[in-house]
Structures are given as structure tokens and as C-alpha cells.
Amino acid sequence: MREKDIEQKIVADVKSRGGMCPKWVSPGLSGVPDRIVLMPGGRIGFIEAKAPGEKPGKLQVAMHRRLRGLGFKVFVIDSMEQINTALDEIGGRNESNENE
């Protein structure tokens, strides 16, 4: 499984919950997470997608710490199984669970 596969699943799952998940590219600001998660109700989180077993680099770890210090939720996801847990913590409806 590749990082790209995980990232595509994150985007699809956010969309299914009524949110948006744009790629975050920030020239001049190194280490930002891959995706900004924007959910209904003004909930925001950040996700760094990694291939299974990969870890964030030093600049990424520092940026994650800085974002968490500002009160944001930041997740490093390296498996499909971690996606729902992260999105549940960020917030927003999960349409696949609404009918249960």
C-alpha cells in the first residue's frame, strides 16, 4: 500500500461525511501536514499521510507540535484502519454509520 492510496481514502471518507479535504501546500512554511480536514460545524484538523510504517520527519514533527500547541488536532495516518478514528475525533457526520 502506498501513501497515495491512504491519502485518496482520507479524501473520500471526509467527503462522505460532508467535509472537504484540500491538499495543503505552503511555500515558505516547511513541514505542514498533507491535508487540511474541514468538517461541518467549523471543525478543522490536519492529517499527515504516510506509507505503512513510515514516520514524519523532524520538520513535520515540529510543525505538528506547533499546530497542536495552537489547539488543533493533528494525525499521522499510515493505515486505512486509522482513518475513521481520526475523522471521528475531528468531528462531522459519518453517513456510513447513520443508518445503524
Protein backbone atom coordinates (compact mmCIF):
# COMPACT_ATOMS: atom_id res chain seq x y z
CA MET A 1 0.00 0.00 0.00
CA ARG A 2 1.25 3.46 -0.90
CA GLU A 3 0.88 6.82 0.83
CA LYS A 4 -1.15 7.98 -2.16
CA ASP A 5 -3.71 5.19 -1.58
CA ILE A 6 -4.17 6.21 2.05
CA GLU A 7 -4.45 9.89 1.11
CA GLN A 8 -7.12 9.16 -1.53
CA LYS A 9 -9.15 7.17 1.03
CA ILE A 10 -8.89 10.03 3.54
CA VAL A 11 -10.24 12.49 0.95
CA ALA A 12 -13.12 10.16 0.01
CA ASP A 13 -14.06 9.50 3.65
CA VAL A 14 -14.02 13.20 4.54
CA LYS A 15 -16.25 13.93 1.55
CA SER A 16 -18.67 11.15 2.58
CA ARG A 17 -19.00 12.90 5.96
CA GLY A 18 -19.91 16.19 4.32
CA GLY A 19 -16.49 17.80 4.58
CA MET A 20 -13.64 18.99 2.40
CA CYS A 21 -10.03 17.83 2.44
CA PRO A 22 -7.78 20.09 0.36
CA LYS A 23 -4.09 19.40 -0.11
CA TRP A 24 -2.03 21.82 1.98
CA VAL A 25 0.87 23.34 0.11
CA SER A 26 2.51 26.25 1.87
CA PRO A 27 5.56 27.75 0.16
CA GLY A 28 7.97 29.09 2.73
CA LEU A 29 6.49 27.03 5.59
CA SER A 30 8.11 23.62 5.75
CA GLY A 31 6.67 20.54 7.42
CA VAL A 32 2.95 21.28 7.09
CA PRO A 33 0.65 18.21 7.09
CA ASP A 34 -0.53 16.83 3.75
CA ARG A 35 -4.23 17.60 4.21
CA ILE A 36 -6.47 20.12 5.94
CA VAL A 37 -9.72 18.49 7.07
CA LEU A 38 -12.66 20.92 7.05
CA MET A 39 -15.81 19.41 8.55
CA PRO A 40 -19.36 20.69 9.02
CA GLY A 41 -19.83 22.85 12.08
CA GLY A 42 -16.48 24.58 11.69
CA ARG A 43 -14.37 21.65 12.82
CA ILE A 44 -10.80 21.60 11.50
CA GLY A 45 -8.00 19.08 11.73
CA PHE A 46 -4.82 18.17 9.93
CA ILE A 47 -3.66 14.82 8.56
CA GLU A 48 -0.21 13.69 7.55
CA ALA A 49 -0.48 10.56 5.39
CA LYS A 50 2.38 8.09 5.39
CA ALA A 51 3.06 4.73 3.78
CA PRO A 52 2.72 1.89 6.30
CA GLY A 53 5.49 2.05 8.87
CA GLU A 54 6.82 5.45 7.78
CA LYS A 55 7.26 8.21 10.35
CA PRO A 56 7.18 12.02 9.98
CA GLY A 57 10.46 13.86 9.58
CA LYS A 58 11.88 16.30 12.14
CA LEU A 59 10.39 19.37 10.46
CA GLN A 60 6.99 17.67 10.27
CA VAL A 61 7.12 16.65 13.94
CA ALA A 62 7.97 20.25 14.90
CA MET A 63 5.09 21.62 12.81
CA HIS A 64 2.66 19.07 14.26
CA ARG A 65 3.72 20.12 17.77
CA ARG A 66 3.21 23.78 16.84
CA LEU A 67 -0.28 23.14 15.41
CA ARG A 68 -1.27 21.07 18.46
CA GLY A 69 0.02 23.90 20.65
CA LEU A 70 -2.47 26.17 18.90
CA GLY A 71 -5.24 23.73 19.82
CA PHE A 72 -5.64 21.88 16.52
CA LYS A 73 -5.97 18.13 16.09
CA VAL A 74 -3.14 16.63 14.03
CA PHE A 75 -2.98 12.98 12.98
CA VAL A 76 -0.32 10.86 11.31
CA ILE A 77 -2.06 8.06 9.43
CA ASP A 78 -0.21 5.09 7.94
CA SER A 79 -3.08 2.60 7.59
CA MET A 80 -6.65 2.59 6.32
CA GLU A 81 -7.85 1.45 9.76
CA GLN A 82 -6.72 4.73 11.40
CA ILE A 83 -8.81 6.98 9.17
CA ASN A 84 -12.23 6.65 10.84
CA THR A 85 -10.78 7.16 14.32
CA ALA A 86 -9.08 10.39 13.25
CA LEU A 87 -12.19 11.68 11.46
CA ASP A 88 -14.37 10.80 14.47
CA GLU A 89 -12.06 12.88 16.68
CA ILE A 90 -12.11 15.83 14.28
CA GLY A 91 -15.90 15.60 14.03
CA GLY A 92 -18.52 15.55 11.33
CA ARG A 93 -21.15 13.05 10.45
CA ASN A 94 -20.30 9.58 9.23
CA GLU A 95 -23.04 8.72 6.72
CA SER A 96 -21.99 5.08 6.61
CA ASN A 97 -22.88 4.78 10.32
CA GLU A 98 -26.00 6.98 10.36
CA ASN A 99 -28.37 4.17 9.37
CA GLU A 100 -27.16 1.72 12.02
